[in-house]
Amino acid sequence: MSKKLTAIILGVFVLALALAGCGGQADQKQAAKPKVLKVGTEPSFAPFEFQEEGSKEYTGFDMDLIRAVGKQMGYEVQIVSMGFDGLIPALESGQIDAVASGMSITEERAKKVAFSKPYYKSGLTMVIKSDNNSIKTFKDLEGKSIGVQIGTTGAEEARKIKDAKIREFNTPPEAFMELKNNGVDAVVNDLPVNEYFIAKTGAKDVKLAGEVQNAENYGIAIAKKNTELSEKVNKALDDIKANGEYEKIYMKWFNKKP
């Protein structure tokens, strides 16, 4: 064999090794890259999901929870902001992988999506003006004007009230503003959301009224066909409850143990 031919063969061999090495490195990088979990939320439902003034980051109980779940699963969580009434359609069409948005587990919703194990128990209350002494129970809302967030269980419950005039808003803050401007007689929403609004704003002209109605469980929504993801999410929820991370997040936002 000539020296020239030997050199050519040796060169091809070295090149092949180099390419194989590059391919191996690329494969390792590919394997190391975390999977992305696209999570839809409507970020105006404090203290569950919202943006602090001047910040682009999404924060709140749900946001901390889903990030902890994603981390436990080995996923990188990507938050996608959208209207509450668009969350389930986006999940069904595959635009997002999951929903973490203070979503109550209901029979109607469960026909369309799968829910994780419950992670929070809530209930409905109403907020009225401080000088309003005529509204003490949900029955007192008959014939009154009620502000609600579109697509929520609060809106569903308000529609059951006899002769009530329902005003739907895209976000809770819009409904609260309408109450303060005397555009509605009451706002019906989840208890922790109502409590957080009053505490955070220091509002003296509004107050909570009535007993808590319809205790509800929140769940992470996932497409029905994605059974593998459902199993992973439920296992991750169990894991973060077992290792104390869930309690830590709960204490941070509600200042009490779950």
Protein backbone atom coordinates (compact mmCIF):
# COMPACT_ATOMS: atom_id res chain seq x y z
CA MET A 1 0.00 0.00 0.00
CA SER A 2 1.40 3.39 -0.94
CA LYS A 3 2.12 6.06 1.63
CA LYS A 4 -0.36 8.36 -0.13
CA LEU A 5 -3.18 5.82 0.11
CA THR A 6 -2.31 5.11 3.74
CA ALA A 7 -2.47 8.83 4.51
CA ILE A 8 -5.89 9.12 2.82
CA ILE A 9 -7.30 6.14 4.74
CA LEU A 10 -5.88 7.50 7.99
CA GLY A 11 -7.41 10.90 7.29
CA VAL A 12 -10.85 9.39 6.61
CA PHE A 13 -10.58 7.36 9.82
CA VAL A 14 -9.69 10.43 11.91
CA LEU A 15 -12.52 12.44 10.32
CA ALA A 16 -14.98 9.63 11.08
CA LEU A 17 -13.87 9.57 14.70
CA ALA A 18 -14.24 13.36 14.95
CA LEU A 19 -17.75 13.26 13.47
CA ALA A 20 -18.70 10.41 15.77
CA GLY A 21 -17.38 12.42 18.71
CA CYS A 22 -19.37 15.49 17.67
CA GLY A 23 -22.45 13.36 17.23
CA GLY A 24 -21.98 11.88 20.67
CA GLN A 25 -21.61 15.35 22.20
CA ALA A 26 -24.71 16.53 20.36
CA ASP A 27 -26.61 13.49 21.62
CA GLN A 28 -25.47 14.21 25.16
CA LYS A 29 -26.58 17.84 24.89
CA GLN A 30 -29.89 16.70 23.44
CA ALA A 31 -30.38 14.26 26.30
CA ALA A 32 -29.42 16.86 28.90
CA LYS A 33 -31.87 19.43 27.57
CA PRO A 34 -34.98 19.41 29.84
CA LYS A 35 -38.43 18.82 28.43
CA VAL A 36 -40.71 21.86 28.34
CA LEU A 37 -44.09 21.87 30.04
CA LYS A 38 -46.33 24.61 28.60
CA VAL A 39 -48.74 25.72 31.31
CA GLY A 40 -51.68 28.01 30.63
CA THR A 41 -52.89 30.50 33.23
CA GLU A 42 -54.98 33.66 33.55
CA PRO A 43 -52.61 35.81 35.64
CA SER A 44 -55.00 38.13 37.46
CA PHE A 45 -56.24 35.70 40.11
CA ALA A 46 -54.14 36.71 43.11
CA PRO A 47 -52.88 35.10 45.29
CA PHE A 48 -52.86 32.11 42.92
CA GLU A 49 -51.46 33.66 39.74
CA PHE A 50 -50.60 37.30 39.09
CA GLN A 51 -47.84 39.74 38.19
CA GLU A 52 -46.37 42.12 40.72
CA GLU A 53 -46.48 45.73 39.59
CA GLY A 54 -43.52 46.46 37.32
CA SER A 55 -42.60 42.79 36.93
CA LYS A 56 -42.93 40.48 33.93
CA GLU A 57 -42.67 37.36 36.08
CA TYR A 58 -45.74 35.33 37.00
CA THR A 59 -46.02 34.66 40.71
CA GLY A 60 -48.51 33.20 43.18
CA PHE A 61 -49.39 29.90 44.84
CA ASP A 62 -50.25 28.10 41.59
CA MET A 63 -47.11 29.35 39.89
CA ASP A 64 -44.85 28.16 42.70
CA LEU A 65 -46.73 24.87 42.82
CA ILE A 66 -46.55 24.07 39.09
CA ARG A 67 -42.86 24.99 38.98
CA ALA A 68 -42.22 22.63 41.90
CA VAL A 69 -44.21 19.91 40.12
CA GLY A 70 -42.30 20.52 36.88
CA LYS A 71 -38.95 20.41 38.67
CA GLN A 72 -39.91 17.14 40.36
CA MET A 73 -40.78 15.70 36.94
CA GLY A 74 -37.60 17.02 35.31
CA TYR A 75 -39.47 19.52 33.14
CA GLU A 76 -38.80 23.18 32.44
CA VAL A 77 -42.08 25.06 33.04
CA GLN A 78 -43.10 27.70 30.52
CA ILE A 79 -46.06 29.88 31.57
CA VAL A 80 -48.51 30.95 28.85
CA SER A 81 -50.90 33.81 29.68
CA MET A 82 -54.44 33.78 28.25
CA GLY A 83 -58.06 34.50 29.14
CA PHE A 84 -59.64 32.07 31.61
CA ASP A 85 -62.38 31.04 29.19
CA GLY A 86 -59.72 30.15 26.59
CA LEU A 87 -57.70 27.79 28.79
CA ILE A 88 -59.64 24.57 28.20
CA PRO A 89 -59.94 25.12 24.41
CA ALA A 90 -56.16 25.75 24.29
CA LEU A 91 -55.58 22.53 26.20
CA GLU A 92 -57.88 20.56 23.91
CA SER A 93 -56.18 21.92 20.79
CA GLY A 94 -52.67 21.14 22.08
CA GLN A 95 -51.48 24.76 22.40
CA ILE A 96 -50.61 24.07 26.04
CA ASP A 97 -49.86 20.91 28.04
CA ALA A 98 -51.55 21.79 31.31
CA VAL A 99 -53.58 24.45 33.12
CA ALA A 100 -52.67 25.85 36.55
CA SER A 101 -55.10 28.68 37.13
CA GLY A 102 -57.19 28.22 40.25
CA MET A 103 -59.46 25.94 38.22
CA SER A 104 -62.18 24.21 40.21
CA ILE A 105 -62.80 20.56 39.49
CA THR A 106 -66.37 20.32 38.20
CA GLU A 107 -68.35 17.61 36.44
CA GLU A 108 -68.81 19.82 33.39
CA ARG A 109 -65.09 20.54 33.02
CA ALA A 110 -64.20 16.90 33.73
CA LYS A 111 -66.12 15.93 30.59
CA LYS A 112 -63.55 17.85 28.53
CA VAL A 113 -60.27 17.51 30.46
CA ALA A 114 -58.56 15.29 33.02
CA PHE A 115 -57.77 16.76 36.43
CA SER A 116 -54.91 16.00 38.75
CA LYS A 117 -55.50 15.09 42.36
CA PRO A 118 -56.93 18.12 44.22
CA TYR A 119 -54.28 20.48 45.55
CA TYR A 120 -56.41 23.21 47.19
CA LYS A 121 -59.91 23.48 48.68
CA SER A 122 -61.74 26.77 48.18
CA GLY A 123 -65.28 28.17 48.31
CA LEU A 124 -67.29 31.14 47.08
CA THR A 125 -67.96 34.36 48.97
CA MET A 126 -69.11 37.82 48.04
CA VAL A 127 -67.62 41.28 48.45
CA ILE A 128 -69.93 44.25 48.96
CA LYS A 129 -69.57 47.93 49.87
CA SER A 130 -68.82 48.54 53.56
CA ASP A 131 -71.93 50.65 54.04
CA ASN A 132 -74.23 47.98 52.55
CA ASN A 133 -76.14 46.29 55.38
CA SER A 134 -78.92 44.79 53.27
CA ILE A 135 -76.85 41.97 51.72
CA LYS A 136 -75.97 39.29 54.29
CA THR A 137 -76.56 36.03 52.43
CA PHE A 138 -76.49 34.81 48.83
CA LYS A 139 -80.30 34.88 48.86
CA ASP A 140 -80.12 38.64 49.44
CA LEU A 141 -78.52 38.95 45.98
CA GLU A 142 -81.87 38.21 44.32
CA GLY A 143 -82.66 41.00 41.89
CA LYS A 144 -79.25 42.59 42.48
CA SER A 145 -76.41 43.35 40.07
CA ILE A 146 -73.49 40.92 40.51
CA GLY A 147 -69.96 41.18 39.14
CA VAL A 148 -68.17 37.92 38.24
CA GLN A 149 -65.16 36.73 36.26
CA ILE A 150 -66.16 35.12 32.97
CA GLY A 151 -65.95 31.33 32.80
CA THR A 152 -65.65 30.77 36.57
CA THR A 153 -67.73 28.76 39.03
CA GLY A 154 -68.56 32.10 40.66
CA ALA A 155 -70.25 33.13 37.43
CA GLU A 156 -72.13 29.81 37.28
CA GLU A 157 -73.37 30.20 40.86
CA ALA A 158 -74.41 33.83 40.32
CA ARG A 159 -76.53 32.82 37.32
CA LYS A 160 -78.61 30.59 39.62
CA ILE A 161 -79.71 33.55 41.73
CA LYS A 162 -83.27 34.65 40.97
CA ASP A 163 -83.60 37.80 38.86
CA ALA A 164 -79.94 38.70 39.37
CA LYS A 165 -78.29 40.90 36.75
CA ILE A 166 -74.93 39.31 35.93
CA ARG A 167 -72.02 41.47 34.80
CA GLU A 168 -69.08 39.42 33.49
CA PHE A 169 -65.51 40.71 33.49
CA ASN A 170 -62.28 39.29 32.12
CA THR A 171 -60.43 39.62 35.43
CA PRO A 172 -61.29 39.90 39.16
CA PRO A 173 -59.71 43.39 39.49
CA GLU A 174 -62.12 44.68 36.82
CA ALA A 175 -65.08 43.31 38.79
CA PHE A 176 -63.79 44.82 42.05
CA MET A 177 -63.30 48.20 40.36
CA GLU A 178 -66.90 48.10 39.13
CA LEU A 179 -68.05 47.44 42.71
CA LYS A 180 -66.05 50.39 44.03
CA ASN A 181 -67.60 52.56 41.31
CA ASN A 182 -71.10 51.40 42.35
CA GLY A 183 -71.61 49.63 39.02
CA VAL A 184 -72.56 46.35 40.76
CA ASP A 185 -73.99 45.50 44.19
CA ALA A 186 -71.61 42.63 44.87
CA VAL A 187 -68.74 40.60 43.46
CA VAL A 188 -68.88 36.79 43.76
CA ASN A 189 -65.55 34.99 43.64
CA ASP A 190 -63.37 32.48 45.48
CA LEU A 191 -62.75 33.26 49.16
CA PRO A 192 -58.92 33.50 49.03
CA VAL A 193 -59.12 35.82 46.01
CA ASN A 194 -61.59 38.10 47.78
CA GLU A 195 -59.53 38.06 50.99
CA TYR A 196 -56.31 38.80 49.12
CA PHE A 197 -57.87 41.73 47.25
CA ILE A 198 -59.07 43.38 50.48
CA ALA A 199 -55.79 42.73 52.33
CA LYS A 200 -53.49 43.74 49.47
CA THR A 201 -55.32 46.94 48.53
CA GLY A 202 -56.14 47.90 52.11
CA ALA A 203 -59.62 48.75 50.87
CA LYS A 204 -61.83 50.17 53.63
CA ASP A 205 -64.88 50.78 51.48
CA VAL A 206 -65.58 47.07 50.82
CA LYS A 207 -66.07 43.97 52.99
CA LEU A 208 -66.69 40.23 52.83
CA ALA A 209 -70.26 39.07 53.36
CA GLY A 210 -72.13 35.80 53.72
CA GLU A 211 -71.11 32.26 54.52
CA VAL A 212 -68.69 30.36 52.28
CA GLN A 213 -70.65 28.59 49.55
CA ASN A 214 -69.85 25.48 47.49
CA ALA A 215 -66.53 24.21 48.83
CA GLU A 216 -64.49 23.41 45.71
CA ASN A 217 -61.26 21.59 44.95
CA TYR A 218 -58.71 23.05 42.55
CA GLY A 219 -56.86 20.74 40.18
CA ILE A 220 -54.25 20.93 37.42
CA ALA A 221 -56.03 20.32 34.11
CA ILE A 222 -54.47 18.07 31.46
CA ALA A 223 -55.74 16.82 28.09
CA LYS A 224 -57.73 13.59 28.51
CA LYS A 225 -55.60 11.78 25.94
CA ASN A 226 -52.35 12.63 27.75
CA THR A 227 -52.60 9.91 30.39
CA GLU A 228 -48.82 9.68 30.76
CA LEU A 229 -48.56 13.34 31.78
CA SER A 230 -51.49 12.95 34.18
CA GLU A 231 -49.70 10.11 35.94
CA LYS A 232 -46.45 12.09 36.14
CA VAL A 233 -48.20 15.17 37.55
CA ASN A 234 -50.05 13.16 40.20
CA LYS A 235 -46.84 11.41 41.26
CA ALA A 236 -45.01 14.76 41.43
CA LEU A 237 -47.81 16.21 43.59
CA ASP A 238 -47.50 13.23 45.95
CA ASP A 239 -43.72 13.64 46.03
CA ILE A 240 -43.71 17.36 46.90
CA LYS A 241 -46.29 16.74 49.61
CA ALA A 242 -44.11 13.97 51.03
CA ASN A 243 -40.86 15.98 50.93
CA GLY A 244 -42.37 19.12 52.51
CA GLU A 245 -42.16 21.39 49.46
CA TYR A 246 -45.97 21.67 49.15
CA GLU A 247 -46.33 22.76 52.79
CA LYS A 248 -43.55 25.30 52.33
CA ILE A 249 -45.35 26.87 49.33
CA TYR A 250 -48.71 26.80 51.14
CA MET A 251 -47.28 28.52 54.21
CA LYS A 252 -45.68 31.18 52.00
CA TRP A 253 -48.99 32.26 50.45
CA PHE A 254 -51.59 31.54 53.14
CA ASN A 255 -49.54 31.80 56.34
CA LYS A 256 -50.97 28.56 57.69
CA LYS A 257 -50.43 24.84 57.23
CA PRO A 258 -52.49 22.98 54.62
